[in-house]
């Protein structure tokens, strides 16, 4: 039985999922949607129309008040500043939630979402691609089985022409975005470390550079995981056109490189190097979300994990403001299996 889904936010990310999902054997029923952009609404309706005509509402509040009883779940894909408010409202209406990342602007908002989830007894799945990637899950399972030996160190990087690419977007309005390149695109790198190691962050020091803007564009983060493994991460959002990433995990008997969105992996064992290319599996997101809501699998991208990442971001900003001071995290990421 397909999910009866409401959509809050019909931008490019939502439209991309919708194009894939309407062709999936698990195609949801798009019951209702809302967005502040009439053009985005029109595009989304055209994509999903073959499965029925969704109702369109002027606001999220109106959608939830009128349709909550007819829905199983809500997908939220809005500017970051609205995530917490809409998430809490959806949970208060008793709905499971697929929420775009980052989950919240800070750890205070993240805790409020967790509290609302506990009161509602529903699921919150945060749509980090690395957490929902079948390819990365397989690599993680091989590491956990001991094939690669002990984890020794982690290095990661992500770059994008983010400054020029989103020059007129809400992403560069701090009141809507909550930050710049490192908070937006860079948050995928922070999450991928958790996904691929299964270990939470213990401490962090950071240096951020705004390059004269109101938001961070470049920077470096040095962290330690709870088992003492060192993590070095580099971010650049003001460079040549494109967007690429690489997370490298150094083990005793292997070196594993992965894309932080789960598009490819490269495993070197001795002199043998094997590369796998998967692309971004949009239908896997729907399948995993549906299975999580139905209790058929454990949630692979929990609100607890995103609370941990929210505290990490809080401390990164604080550390950078205090000359790279090393700060210790207080939260735990929950089950990272």
Protein backbone atom coordinates (compact mmCIF):
# COMPACT_ATOMS: atom_id res chain seq x y z
CA UNK A 1 0.00 0.00 0.00
CA UNK A 2 1.51 3.33 -1.08
CA UNK A 3 2.17 6.18 1.29
CA UNK A 4 -0.34 9.01 1.29
CA UNK A 5 2.07 11.93 1.19
CA UNK A 6 1.85 15.67 1.76
CA UNK A 7 4.62 17.94 0.49
CA UNK A 8 5.72 21.20 2.09
CA UNK A 9 8.13 22.85 -0.34
CA UNK A 10 8.02 22.06 -4.07
CA UNK A 11 11.43 23.34 -5.18
CA UNK A 12 14.06 21.63 -7.30
CA UNK A 13 14.90 18.94 -4.75
CA UNK A 14 11.25 17.98 -4.31
CA UNK A 15 10.71 17.96 -8.05
CA UNK A 16 13.71 15.68 -8.55
CA UNK A 17 12.36 13.17 -6.05
CA UNK A 18 8.87 13.37 -7.53
CA UNK A 19 10.10 12.55 -11.05
CA UNK A 20 11.73 9.38 -9.74
CA UNK A 21 9.03 8.40 -7.28
CA UNK A 22 6.11 8.50 -9.71
CA UNK A 23 7.88 5.76 -11.69
CA UNK A 24 8.64 3.62 -8.64
CA UNK A 25 6.66 0.46 -7.76
CA UNK A 26 6.24 2.17 -4.37
CA UNK A 27 4.92 5.38 -5.92
CA UNK A 28 3.24 7.43 -3.18
CA UNK A 29 -0.10 9.13 -3.53
CA UNK A 30 0.60 12.85 -3.51
CA UNK A 31 -2.44 14.05 -1.61
CA UNK A 32 -1.61 17.70 -0.96
CA UNK A 33 1.19 20.22 -1.37
CA UNK A 34 2.17 23.80 -0.69
CA UNK A 35 4.87 26.24 -1.73
CA UNK A 36 5.25 30.02 -1.82
CA UNK A 37 6.21 29.86 -5.52
CA UNK A 38 3.30 29.35 -7.97
CA UNK A 39 5.79 28.22 -10.63
CA UNK A 40 7.18 25.52 -8.34
CA UNK A 41 3.66 24.34 -7.52
CA UNK A 42 2.71 24.18 -11.20
CA UNK A 43 5.83 22.18 -12.07
CA UNK A 44 5.28 19.73 -9.21
CA UNK A 45 1.61 19.16 -10.05
CA UNK A 46 2.52 18.46 -13.67
CA UNK A 47 5.09 15.86 -12.56
CA UNK A 48 2.73 13.93 -10.29
CA UNK A 49 -0.58 14.46 -12.13
CA UNK A 50 -0.56 10.96 -13.67
CA UNK A 51 -1.15 9.55 -10.17
CA UNK A 52 -4.00 11.92 -9.38
CA UNK A 53 -4.45 15.64 -8.87
CA UNK A 54 -3.03 16.78 -5.50
CA UNK A 55 -4.77 19.52 -3.58
CA UNK A 56 -2.82 22.78 -3.38
CA UNK A 57 -2.82 24.93 -0.25
CA UNK A 58 -1.57 28.45 0.29
CA UNK A 59 0.23 27.60 3.55
CA UNK A 60 1.62 24.61 5.42
CA UNK A 61 -0.70 25.34 8.33
CA UNK A 62 -3.72 25.16 6.03
CA UNK A 63 -2.50 21.92 4.49
CA UNK A 64 -1.97 20.25 7.86
CA UNK A 65 -5.26 21.48 9.30
CA UNK A 66 -7.26 20.21 6.32
CA UNK A 67 -5.40 17.07 5.28
CA UNK A 68 -3.60 15.54 8.27
CA UNK A 69 -6.30 12.90 8.70
CA UNK A 70 -5.86 11.88 5.05
CA UNK A 71 -2.06 11.56 5.19
CA UNK A 72 0.50 9.02 6.35
CA UNK A 73 3.51 11.29 6.14
CA UNK A 74 4.89 14.69 5.22
CA UNK A 75 7.96 15.51 3.13
CA UNK A 76 9.49 18.90 4.02
CA UNK A 77 11.84 20.60 1.57
CA UNK A 78 11.95 24.30 2.43
CA UNK A 79 14.63 26.86 3.30
CA UNK A 80 16.45 25.61 6.40
CA UNK A 81 14.98 28.23 8.73
CA UNK A 82 11.51 26.70 8.36
CA UNK A 83 12.46 23.07 8.99
CA UNK A 84 11.95 23.08 12.75
CA UNK A 85 8.59 24.84 12.75
CA UNK A 86 7.05 22.72 10.01
CA UNK A 87 8.56 19.53 11.44
CA UNK A 88 7.03 20.16 14.86
CA UNK A 89 3.67 21.01 13.31
CA UNK A 90 3.62 17.82 11.21
CA UNK A 91 4.52 15.71 14.23
CA UNK A 92 1.85 17.39 16.32
CA UNK A 93 -0.64 16.28 13.67
CA UNK A 94 0.54 12.69 14.13
CA UNK A 95 2.45 12.28 10.86
CA UNK A 96 5.71 10.53 10.01
CA UNK A 97 8.26 12.89 8.56
CA UNK A 98 10.86 12.87 5.80
CA UNK A 99 12.82 16.06 6.43
CA UNK A 100 15.46 17.67 4.27
CA UNK A 101 18.86 18.40 5.72
CA UNK A 102 20.20 19.99 7.78
CA UNK A 103 17.39 19.14 10.19
CA UNK A 104 17.60 22.42 12.12
CA UNK A 105 19.59 25.63 12.42
CA UNK A 106 21.06 24.72 15.81
CA UNK A 107 20.96 22.19 18.63
CA UNK A 108 18.17 24.03 20.47
CA UNK A 109 15.81 23.59 17.50
CA UNK A 110 16.97 19.99 17.08
CA UNK A 111 16.02 19.17 20.67
CA UNK A 112 12.58 20.67 20.12
CA UNK A 113 12.06 18.37 17.13
CA UNK A 114 13.11 15.35 19.19
CA UNK A 115 10.70 16.32 21.94
CA UNK A 116 7.85 16.69 19.43
CA UNK A 117 8.71 13.30 17.94
CA UNK A 118 8.65 11.65 21.36
CA UNK A 119 5.25 13.14 22.12
CA UNK A 120 3.88 12.02 18.76
CA UNK A 121 5.50 8.59 18.69
CA UNK A 122 6.25 8.97 14.99
CA UNK A 123 9.31 8.61 12.75
CA UNK A 124 11.63 11.42 11.63
CA UNK A 125 13.97 10.44 8.79
CA UNK A 126 16.46 13.14 7.75
CA UNK A 127 17.18 12.92 4.03
CA UNK A 128 20.97 12.73 3.99
CA UNK A 129 21.86 10.81 0.85
CA UNK A 130 24.88 9.12 2.42
CA UNK A 131 22.68 7.63 5.14
CA UNK A 132 20.18 6.36 2.56
CA UNK A 133 22.68 5.11 -0.04
CA UNK A 134 22.70 1.33 -0.71
CA UNK A 135 26.28 1.57 -2.06
CA UNK A 136 27.67 3.26 1.04
CA UNK A 137 25.71 0.90 3.26
CA UNK A 138 27.40 -2.09 1.60
CA UNK A 139 30.84 -0.57 2.09
CA UNK A 140 30.10 0.20 5.71
CA UNK A 141 28.95 -3.40 6.28
CA UNK A 142 32.25 -4.71 4.88
CA UNK A 143 34.18 -2.40 7.18
CA UNK A 144 32.12 -3.43 10.19
CA UNK A 145 32.74 -7.09 9.36
CA UNK A 146 36.47 -6.47 9.80
CA UNK A 147 37.52 -6.93 6.18
CA UNK A 148 39.54 -3.71 6.12
CA UNK A 149 41.07 -3.89 9.59
CA UNK A 150 41.05 -1.08 12.15
CA UNK A 151 40.18 2.48 11.12
CA UNK A 152 43.27 4.70 11.43
CA UNK A 153 42.33 8.15 10.09
CA UNK A 154 39.71 10.03 8.07
CA UNK A 155 40.16 12.86 5.56
CA UNK A 156 37.42 14.62 3.63
CA UNK A 157 36.86 17.48 1.24
CA UNK A 158 33.98 19.07 -0.62
CA UNK A 159 34.08 21.96 -3.07
CA UNK A 160 31.59 23.86 -5.19
CA UNK A 161 31.14 27.17 -6.97
CA UNK A 162 28.50 27.77 -4.29
CA UNK A 163 29.05 31.54 -4.09
CA UNK A 164 28.32 32.15 -7.78
CA UNK A 165 25.88 29.27 -8.25
CA UNK A 166 23.44 30.44 -5.56
CA UNK A 167 24.03 34.18 -5.77
CA UNK A 168 20.30 35.02 -5.95
CA UNK A 169 19.07 32.11 -3.85
CA UNK A 170 17.69 31.97 -0.31
CA UNK A 171 20.76 29.85 0.44
CA UNK A 172 22.76 33.08 0.69
CA UNK A 173 20.28 34.84 2.98
CA UNK A 174 21.45 33.88 6.50
CA UNK A 175 18.01 34.48 8.03
CA UNK A 176 16.66 31.73 5.76
CA UNK A 177 19.67 29.47 5.36
CA UNK A 178 21.23 29.54 8.83
CA UNK A 179 24.73 29.68 7.37
CA UNK A 180 26.73 29.43 4.19
CA UNK A 181 28.49 26.76 2.17
CA UNK A 182 29.77 24.68 5.09
CA UNK A 183 26.37 24.56 6.79
CA UNK A 184 24.58 23.77 3.50
CA UNK A 185 26.59 21.56 1.15
CA UNK A 186 29.23 20.90 3.80
CA UNK A 187 26.78 19.32 6.21
CA UNK A 188 26.75 16.26 3.92
CA UNK A 189 30.43 15.75 4.68
CA UNK A 190 29.88 15.91 8.44
CA UNK A 191 27.11 13.32 8.15
CA UNK A 192 29.08 11.04 5.81
CA UNK A 193 31.78 10.70 8.47
CA UNK A 194 29.15 9.38 10.91
CA UNK A 195 27.66 7.11 8.26
CA UNK A 196 30.91 5.52 7.15
CA UNK A 197 32.58 5.16 10.56
CA UNK A 198 29.63 4.46 12.84
CA UNK A 199 31.34 6.60 15.47
CA UNK A 200 30.24 9.95 16.91
CA UNK A 201 32.30 13.11 17.19
CA UNK A 202 34.10 13.69 20.49
CA UNK A 203 35.77 17.09 19.98
CA UNK A 204 36.27 19.71 17.30
CA UNK A 205 38.29 22.78 16.42
CA UNK A 206 37.64 24.90 13.35
CA UNK A 207 38.56 27.91 11.24
CA UNK A 208 35.93 29.50 8.98
CA UNK A 209 36.41 32.29 6.43
CA UNK A 210 33.54 34.39 5.09
CA UNK A 211 35.64 36.09 2.40
CA UNK A 212 33.78 39.34 3.07
CA UNK A 213 30.28 37.88 2.93
CA UNK A 214 27.67 37.37 5.62
CA UNK A 215 28.19 33.59 5.59
CA UNK A 216 31.07 31.14 5.63
CA UNK A 217 32.52 30.01 2.30
CA UNK A 218 35.77 28.20 3.08
CA UNK A 219 37.24 26.55 6.12
CA UNK A 220 38.86 23.63 7.83
CA UNK A 221 37.75 21.38 10.66
CA UNK A 222 39.89 19.10 12.80
CA UNK A 223 37.95 16.63 14.91
CA UNK A 224 38.36 13.50 16.95
CA UNK A 225 35.88 10.68 16.99
CA UNK A 226 34.83 8.99 20.21
CA UNK A 227 37.42 6.25 19.70
CA UNK A 228 40.22 8.79 19.18
CA UNK A 229 40.38 8.58 15.37
CA UNK A 230 41.42 11.90 13.83
CA UNK A 231 39.29 13.58 11.17
CA UNK A 232 40.49 16.38 8.88
CA UNK A 233 37.86 18.11 6.72
CA UNK A 234 38.32 20.85 4.12
CA UNK A 235 35.57 22.99 2.58
CA UNK A 236 35.67 25.43 -0.33
CA UNK A 237 32.53 27.08 -1.67
CA UNK A 238 34.07 29.83 -3.79
CA UNK A 239 35.94 28.00 -6.53
CA UNK A 240 35.59 26.83 -10.13
CA UNK A 241 32.25 25.59 -11.54
CA UNK A 242 31.23 22.15 -10.37
CA UNK A 243 30.57 20.31 -7.14
CA UNK A 244 32.59 17.32 -6.01
CA UNK A 245 33.50 15.54 -2.82
CA UNK A 246 35.66 12.77 -1.46
CA UNK A 247 35.77 11.13 1.95
CA UNK A 248 38.85 8.96 2.43
CA UNK A 249 38.97 6.37 5.19
CA UNK A 250 42.37 4.85 5.96
CA UNK A 251 42.24 1.34 7.39
CA UNK A 252 44.98 -1.11 8.28
CA UNK A 253 44.34 -3.23 5.17
CA UNK A 254 42.48 -0.89 2.81
CA UNK A 255 41.88 2.67 1.71
CA UNK A 256 38.26 3.50 0.95
CA UNK A 257 37.24 6.64 -0.92
CA UNK A 258 33.56 7.54 -1.29
CA UNK A 259 31.42 10.34 -2.62
CA UNK A 260 29.47 11.93 0.25
CA UNK A 261 26.20 11.64 -1.69
CA UNK A 262 26.77 7.95 -2.37
CA UNK A 263 27.39 8.32 -6.10
CA UNK A 264 30.61 6.28 -6.20
CA UNK A 265 33.14 4.38 -4.13
CA UNK A 266 36.75 3.36 -4.72
CA UNK A 267 38.30 0.60 -2.64
CA UNK A 268 42.03 -0.12 -2.67
CA UNK A 269 43.27 -3.34 -1.11
CA UNK A 270 46.96 -3.93 -1.79
CA UNK A 271 47.59 -3.13 -5.46
CA UNK A 272 43.98 -3.79 -6.46
CA UNK A 273 41.62 -0.84 -6.79
CA UNK A 274 37.92 -1.30 -7.57
CA UNK A 275 35.60 1.59 -8.37
CA UNK A 276 31.81 1.33 -8.24
CA UNK A 277 29.47 3.98 -9.63
CA UNK A 278 25.89 4.08 -8.44
CA UNK A 279 24.57 7.58 -8.99
CA UNK A 280 22.14 9.07 -6.50
CA UNK A 281 19.46 6.45 -5.83
CA UNK A 282 16.34 8.59 -5.42
CA UNK A 283 14.01 5.61 -5.20
CA UNK A 284 16.07 4.14 -2.36
CA UNK A 285 15.13 7.20 -0.31
CA UNK A 286 11.42 6.44 -0.79
CA UNK A 287 11.86 2.72 -0.13
CA UNK A 288 13.87 3.26 3.05
CA UNK A 289 11.47 5.90 4.33
CA UNK A 290 8.44 3.66 3.69
CA UNK A 291 10.15 0.70 5.37
CA UNK A 292 11.12 2.82 8.35
CA UNK A 293 7.59 4.13 8.81
CA UNK A 294 6.20 0.57 8.58
CA UNK A 295 8.71 -0.76 11.12
CA UNK A 296 10.40 -3.04 8.59
CA UNK A 297 13.84 -1.53 9.19
CA UNK A 298 15.66 0.65 11.66
CA UNK A 299 15.80 4.35 10.90
CA UNK A 300 19.14 4.95 9.11
CA UNK A 301 19.12 8.75 9.56
CA UNK A 302 17.62 9.67 12.91
CA UNK A 303 16.82 12.93 14.62
CA UNK A 304 19.36 11.98 17.31
CA UNK A 305 22.10 11.89 14.69
CA UNK A 306 21.04 15.30 13.40
CA UNK A 307 21.00 16.69 16.95
CA UNK A 308 24.63 15.54 17.24
CA UNK A 309 25.43 17.27 13.93
CA UNK A 310 23.61 20.42 15.06
CA UNK A 311 25.75 20.58 18.21
CA UNK A 312 28.83 19.99 16.08
CA UNK A 313 27.88 23.00 13.94
CA UNK A 314 27.25 25.14 17.02
CA UNK A 315 30.73 24.29 18.32
CA UNK A 316 32.41 24.79 14.92
CA UNK A 317 31.15 28.37 14.83
CA UNK A 318 32.17 28.93 18.44
CA UNK A 319 35.60 27.42 17.90
CA UNK A 320 36.27 29.56 14.83
CA UNK A 321 35.27 32.70 16.74
CA UNK A 322 37.78 31.81 19.46
CA UNK A 323 40.84 31.10 17.33
CA UNK A 324 40.28 27.40 16.76
CA UNK A 325 39.66 26.46 20.38
CA UNK A 326 39.11 22.72 20.83
CA UNK A 327 35.59 22.05 22.15
CA UNK A 328 33.96 18.86 23.39
CA UNK A 329 30.55 17.64 22.29
CA UNK A 330 27.95 16.73 24.92
CA UNK A 331 25.38 14.92 22.74
CA UNK A 332 25.57 11.38 21.41
CA UNK A 333 24.45 10.47 17.87
CA UNK A 334 22.39 7.48 18.96
CA UNK A 335 22.47 4.20 17.07
CA UNK A 336 24.81 4.50 14.08
CA UNK A 337 24.49 0.93 12.84
